């Protein structure tokens, strides 16, 4: 029976929209512009310990749409989830929180962003799929370079 207590555990406790904001600083005039907006997207992921074996993982996406030099809209959404993670081998927790959890949360966030943009009166923005494994690795490399740069000074 004690072997069961040591089994790796990964459970979704809850998925929720933590924050959503919309700005349309140039409405209604922006709706009269004949050309379509250029879209810029930025993404960030994060995680924190809530209790022993309980973690919150989150993804924040900011979508900025501009027509010429005017902002048509800016939408920021933060999708989060509470995950139970126990008995995971050392070295596998960070990738689990930085890759697996965002993969679970991202479809919800994509849908919420598209819905918010549509409700704002614009055609929906369909965010591209993201390879969170590559995103995580690039982030780890950037953090390592920053750490090495800080040590070199």
C-alpha atoms as a PDB file:
ATOM      1  CA  UNK A   1       0.000   0.000   0.000  1.00  0.00           C
ATOM      2  CA  UNK A   2       2.814   2.443   0.756  1.00  0.00           C
ATOM      3  CA  UNK A   3       4.047   2.012  -2.847  1.00  0.00           C
ATOM      4  CA  UNK A   4       0.782   3.565  -4.070  1.00  0.00           C
ATOM      5  CA  UNK A   5       1.475   6.686  -2.000  1.00  0.00           C
ATOM      6  CA  UNK A   6       4.750   7.123  -3.894  1.00  0.00           C
ATOM      7  CA  UNK A   7       3.203   6.888  -7.363  1.00  0.00           C
ATOM      8  CA  UNK A   8       3.629  10.010  -9.499  1.00  0.00           C
ATOM      9  CA  UNK A   9       0.431  12.064  -9.492  1.00  0.00           C
ATOM     10  CA  UNK A  10      -0.678  14.737 -11.944  1.00  0.00           C
ATOM     11  CA  UNK A  11      -4.283  15.967 -11.739  1.00  0.00           C
ATOM     12  CA  UNK A  12      -6.081  19.045 -12.997  1.00  0.00           C
ATOM     13  CA  UNK A  13      -7.932  20.588 -10.060  1.00  0.00           C
ATOM     14  CA  UNK A  14      -9.369  23.603 -11.899  1.00  0.00           C
ATOM     15  CA  UNK A  15      -8.961  25.648 -15.092  1.00  0.00           C
ATOM     16  CA  UNK A  16     -10.061  29.289 -14.964  1.00  0.00           C
ATOM     17  CA  UNK A  17      -9.774  32.674 -16.635  1.00  0.00           C
ATOM     18  CA  UNK A  18      -7.763  34.701 -14.163  1.00  0.00           C
ATOM     19  CA  UNK A  19      -7.710  38.046 -15.956  1.00  0.00           C
ATOM     20  CA  UNK A  20      -9.012  39.569 -19.193  1.00  0.00           C
ATOM     21  CA  UNK A  21      -8.804  43.160 -20.356  1.00  0.00           C
ATOM     22  CA  UNK A  22      -9.706  45.011 -23.531  1.00  0.00           C
ATOM     23  CA  UNK A  23      -8.738  48.484 -24.666  1.00  0.00           C
ATOM     24  CA  UNK A  24     -10.025  50.243 -27.796  1.00  0.00           C
ATOM     25  CA  UNK A  25      -8.450  53.689 -27.517  1.00  0.00           C
ATOM     26  CA  UNK A  26      -9.372  54.783 -31.048  1.00  0.00           C
ATOM     27  CA  UNK A  27     -12.945  53.503 -31.297  1.00  0.00           C
ATOM     28  CA  UNK A  28     -15.281  54.238 -32.964  1.00  0.00           C
ATOM     29  CA  UNK A  29     -13.160  56.011 -35.591  1.00  0.00           C
ATOM     30  CA  UNK A  30     -10.898  52.990 -36.068  1.00  0.00           C
ATOM     31  CA  UNK A  31     -13.866  51.029 -37.479  1.00  0.00           C
ATOM     32  CA  UNK A  32     -13.939  53.425 -40.453  1.00  0.00           C
ATOM     33  CA  UNK A  33     -10.369  52.554 -41.512  1.00  0.00           C
ATOM     34  CA  UNK A  34     -10.436  50.530 -44.756  1.00  0.00           C
ATOM     35  CA  UNK A  35      -7.322  48.440 -44.150  1.00  0.00           C
ATOM     36  CA  UNK A  36      -6.997  45.513 -41.788  1.00  0.00           C
ATOM     37  CA  UNK A  37      -4.913  45.655 -38.625  1.00  0.00           C
ATOM     38  CA  UNK A  38      -1.416  44.297 -38.120  1.00  0.00           C
ATOM     39  CA  UNK A  39      -1.333  41.932 -35.158  1.00  0.00           C
ATOM     40  CA  UNK A  40       1.416  41.581 -32.562  1.00  0.00           C
ATOM     41  CA  UNK A  41       1.300  38.809 -29.952  1.00  0.00           C
ATOM     42  CA  UNK A  42       3.376  38.331 -26.816  1.00  0.00           C
ATOM     43  CA  UNK A  43       3.206  35.328 -24.511  1.00  0.00           C
ATOM     44  CA  UNK A  44       4.456  34.588 -21.022  1.00  0.00           C
ATOM     45  CA  UNK A  45       4.080  31.534 -18.809  1.00  0.00           C
ATOM     46  CA  UNK A  46       4.414  31.263 -15.062  1.00  0.00           C
ATOM     47  CA  UNK A  47       3.843  28.973 -12.135  1.00  0.00           C
ATOM     48  CA  UNK A  48       3.790  29.150  -8.377  1.00  0.00           C
ATOM     49  CA  UNK A  49       3.379  26.847  -5.412  1.00  0.00           C
ATOM     50  CA  UNK A  50      -0.011  27.165  -3.696  1.00  0.00           C
ATOM     51  CA  UNK A  51       0.418  24.385  -1.132  1.00  0.00           C
ATOM     52  CA  UNK A  52       2.430  21.192  -0.853  1.00  0.00           C
ATOM     53  CA  UNK A  53       1.913  19.354  -4.145  1.00  0.00           C
ATOM     54  CA  UNK A  54      -0.508  22.012  -5.449  1.00  0.00           C
ATOM     55  CA  UNK A  55       0.620  24.469  -8.137  1.00  0.00           C
ATOM     56  CA  UNK A  56      -0.897  27.230 -10.199  1.00  0.00           C
ATOM     57  CA  UNK A  57       0.289  27.408 -13.790  1.00  0.00           C
ATOM     58  CA  UNK A  58      -0.645  30.347 -15.999  1.00  0.00           C
ATOM     59  CA  UNK A  59      -0.294  31.716 -19.525  1.00  0.00           C
ATOM     60  CA  UNK A  60      -0.604  35.404 -20.318  1.00  0.00           C
ATOM     61  CA  UNK A  61      -1.179  36.527 -23.906  1.00  0.00           C
ATOM     62  CA  UNK A  62      -1.225  40.128 -25.071  1.00  0.00           C
ATOM     63  CA  UNK A  63      -2.597  40.851 -28.546  1.00  0.00           C
ATOM     64  CA  UNK A  64      -2.073  44.330 -29.970  1.00  0.00           C
ATOM     65  CA  UNK A  65      -3.748  45.261 -33.255  1.00  0.00           C
ATOM     66  CA  UNK A  66      -2.712  48.429 -35.064  1.00  0.00           C
ATOM     67  CA  UNK A  67      -3.948  50.119 -38.211  1.00  0.00           C
ATOM     68  CA  UNK A  68      -1.186  52.373 -39.460  1.00  0.00           C
ATOM     69  CA  UNK A  69       0.111  53.948 -36.239  1.00  0.00           C
ATOM     70  CA  UNK A  70      -3.167  53.734 -34.289  1.00  0.00           C
ATOM     71  CA  UNK A  71      -4.037  50.988 -31.832  1.00  0.00           C
ATOM     72  CA  UNK A  72      -7.282  49.324 -32.914  1.00  0.00           C
ATOM     73  CA  UNK A  73      -7.418  47.129 -29.828  1.00  0.00           C
ATOM     74  CA  UNK A  74      -5.274  45.614 -27.136  1.00  0.00           C
ATOM     75  CA  UNK A  75      -6.452  42.419 -25.441  1.00  0.00           C
ATOM     76  CA  UNK A  76      -4.660  40.758 -22.566  1.00  0.00           C
ATOM     77  CA  UNK A  77      -5.801  37.452 -21.145  1.00  0.00           C
ATOM     78  CA  UNK A  78      -4.424  35.276 -18.387  1.00  0.00           C
ATOM     79  CA  UNK A  79      -5.602  31.670 -18.259  1.00  0.00           C
ATOM     80  CA  UNK A  80      -4.639  29.674 -15.202  1.00  0.00           C
ATOM     81  CA  UNK A  81      -5.044  26.259 -13.714  1.00  0.00           C
ATOM     82  CA  UNK A  82      -4.535  24.547 -10.397  1.00  0.00           C
ATOM     83  CA  UNK A  83      -2.694  21.259 -10.679  1.00  0.00           C
ATOM     84  CA  UNK A  84      -1.914  18.545  -8.145  1.00  0.00           C
ATOM     85  CA  UNK A  85       1.624  17.333  -8.757  1.00  0.00           C
ATOM     86  CA  UNK A  86       3.173  14.787  -6.384  1.00  0.00           C
ATOM     87  CA  UNK A  87       6.087  12.340  -6.411  1.00  0.00           C
ATOM     88  CA  UNK A  88       7.524  13.660  -9.673  1.00  0.00           C
ATOM     89  CA  UNK A  89      11.243  12.925 -10.058  1.00  0.00           C
ATOM     90  CA  UNK A  90      13.556  15.860  -9.467  1.00  0.00           C
ATOM     91  CA  UNK A  91      14.244  17.769 -12.654  1.00  0.00           C
ATOM     92  CA  UNK A  92      10.855  16.909 -14.150  1.00  0.00           C
ATOM     93  CA  UNK A  93       8.700  19.338 -12.160  1.00  0.00           C
ATOM     94  CA  UNK A  94       9.764  22.500 -14.036  1.00  0.00           C
ATOM     95  CA  UNK A  95       9.171  20.962 -17.488  1.00  0.00           C
ATOM     96  CA  UNK A  96       5.816  19.627 -16.299  1.00  0.00           C
ATOM     97  CA  UNK A  97       4.728  23.085 -15.101  1.00  0.00           C
ATOM     98  CA  UNK A  98       6.330  24.865 -18.066  1.00  0.00           C
ATOM     99  CA  UNK A  99       5.258  22.539 -20.894  1.00  0.00           C
ATOM    100  CA  UNK A 100       2.434  20.141 -19.965  1.00  0.00           C
ATOM    101  CA  UNK A 101       0.343  22.633 -17.985  1.00  0.00           C
ATOM    102  CA  UNK A 102       0.497  25.385 -20.647  1.00  0.00           C
ATOM    103  CA  UNK A 103      -0.481  22.795 -23.275  1.00  0.00           C
ATOM    104  CA  UNK A 104      -3.635  22.126 -21.238  1.00  0.00           C
ATOM    105  CA  UNK A 105      -4.436  25.803 -20.620  1.00  0.00           C
ATOM    106  CA  UNK A 106      -3.663  27.309 -24.026  1.00  0.00           C
ATOM    107  CA  UNK A 107      -6.771  26.092 -25.932  1.00  0.00           C
ATOM    108  CA  UNK A 108      -8.984  27.779 -23.326  1.00  0.00           C
ATOM    109  CA  UNK A 109      -7.024  31.015 -23.646  1.00  0.00           C
ATOM    110  CA  UNK A 110      -7.120  30.937 -27.462  1.00  0.00           C
ATOM    111  CA  UNK A 111     -10.901  30.618 -27.332  1.00  0.00           C
ATOM    112  CA  UNK A 112     -11.285  33.406 -24.769  1.00  0.00           C
ATOM    113  CA  UNK A 113      -9.078  35.790 -26.784  1.00  0.00           C
ATOM    114  CA  UNK A 114     -11.004  35.087 -30.022  1.00  0.00           C
ATOM    115  CA  UNK A 115     -14.290  35.622 -28.193  1.00  0.00           C
ATOM    116  CA  UNK A 116     -13.158  38.910 -26.618  1.00  0.00           C
ATOM    117  CA  UNK A 117     -11.913  40.306 -29.947  1.00  0.00           C
ATOM    118  CA  UNK A 118     -15.191  39.340 -31.651  1.00  0.00           C
ATOM    119  CA  UNK A 119     -17.231  40.953 -28.874  1.00  0.00           C
ATOM    120  CA  UNK A 120     -15.155  44.105 -29.390  1.00  0.00           C
ATOM    121  CA  UNK A 121     -16.483  44.296 -32.943  1.00  0.00           C
ATOM    122  CA  UNK A 122     -13.431  43.006 -34.801  1.00  0.00           C
ATOM    123  CA  UNK A 123     -12.905  39.791 -36.761  1.00  0.00           C
ATOM    124  CA  UNK A 124     -11.664  37.073 -34.378  1.00  0.00           C
ATOM    125  CA  UNK A 125      -7.951  36.611 -33.866  1.00  0.00           C
ATOM    126  CA  UNK A 126      -7.027  32.949 -34.032  1.00  0.00           C
ATOM    127  CA  UNK A 127      -3.773  32.502 -32.164  1.00  0.00           C
ATOM    128  CA  UNK A 128      -1.313  30.027 -33.651  1.00  0.00           C
ATOM    129  CA  UNK A 129      -0.443  26.762 -31.987  1.00  0.00           C
ATOM    130  CA  UNK A 130       2.592  27.006 -29.727  1.00  0.00           C
ATOM    131  CA  UNK A 131       5.230  24.367 -29.123  1.00  0.00           C
ATOM    132  CA  UNK A 132       5.620  24.915 -25.391  1.00  0.00           C
ATOM    133  CA  UNK A 133       8.572  22.525 -25.261  1.00  0.00           C
ATOM    134  CA  UNK A 134      10.564  24.823 -27.563  1.00  0.00           C
ATOM    135  CA  UNK A 135       9.226  27.904 -25.714  1.00  0.00           C
ATOM    136  CA  UNK A 136      10.359  26.381 -22.388  1.00  0.00           C
ATOM    137  CA  UNK A 137      13.819  25.474 -23.736  1.00  0.00           C
ATOM    138  CA  UNK A 138      14.347  28.951 -25.193  1.00  0.00           C
ATOM    139  CA  UNK A 139      13.314  30.495 -21.902  1.00  0.00           C
ATOM    140  CA  UNK A 140      15.704  28.241 -19.954  1.00  0.00           C
ATOM    141  CA  UNK A 141      18.554  29.176 -22.329  1.00  0.00           C
ATOM    142  CA  UNK A 142      17.781  32.890 -21.955  1.00  0.00           C
ATOM    143  CA  UNK A 143      17.753  32.568 -18.153  1.00  0.00           C
ATOM    144  CA  UNK A 144      21.057  30.684 -18.250  1.00  0.00           C
ATOM    145  CA  UNK A 145      22.636  33.411 -20.416  1.00  0.00           C
ATOM    146  CA  UNK A 146      21.361  36.090 -18.016  1.00  0.00           C
ATOM    147  CA  UNK A 147      22.803  34.174 -15.063  1.00  0.00           C
ATOM    148  CA  UNK A 148      26.150  33.767 -16.831  1.00  0.00           C
ATOM    149  CA  UNK A 149      26.144  37.445 -17.784  1.00  0.00           C
ATOM    150  CA  UNK A 150      25.478  38.442 -14.190  1.00  0.00           C
ATOM    151  CA  UNK A 151      28.344  36.255 -12.970  1.00  0.00           C
ATOM    152  CA  UNK A 152      30.739  37.640 -15.614  1.00  0.00           C
ATOM    153  CA  UNK A 153      30.284  41.219 -14.398  1.00  0.00           C
END
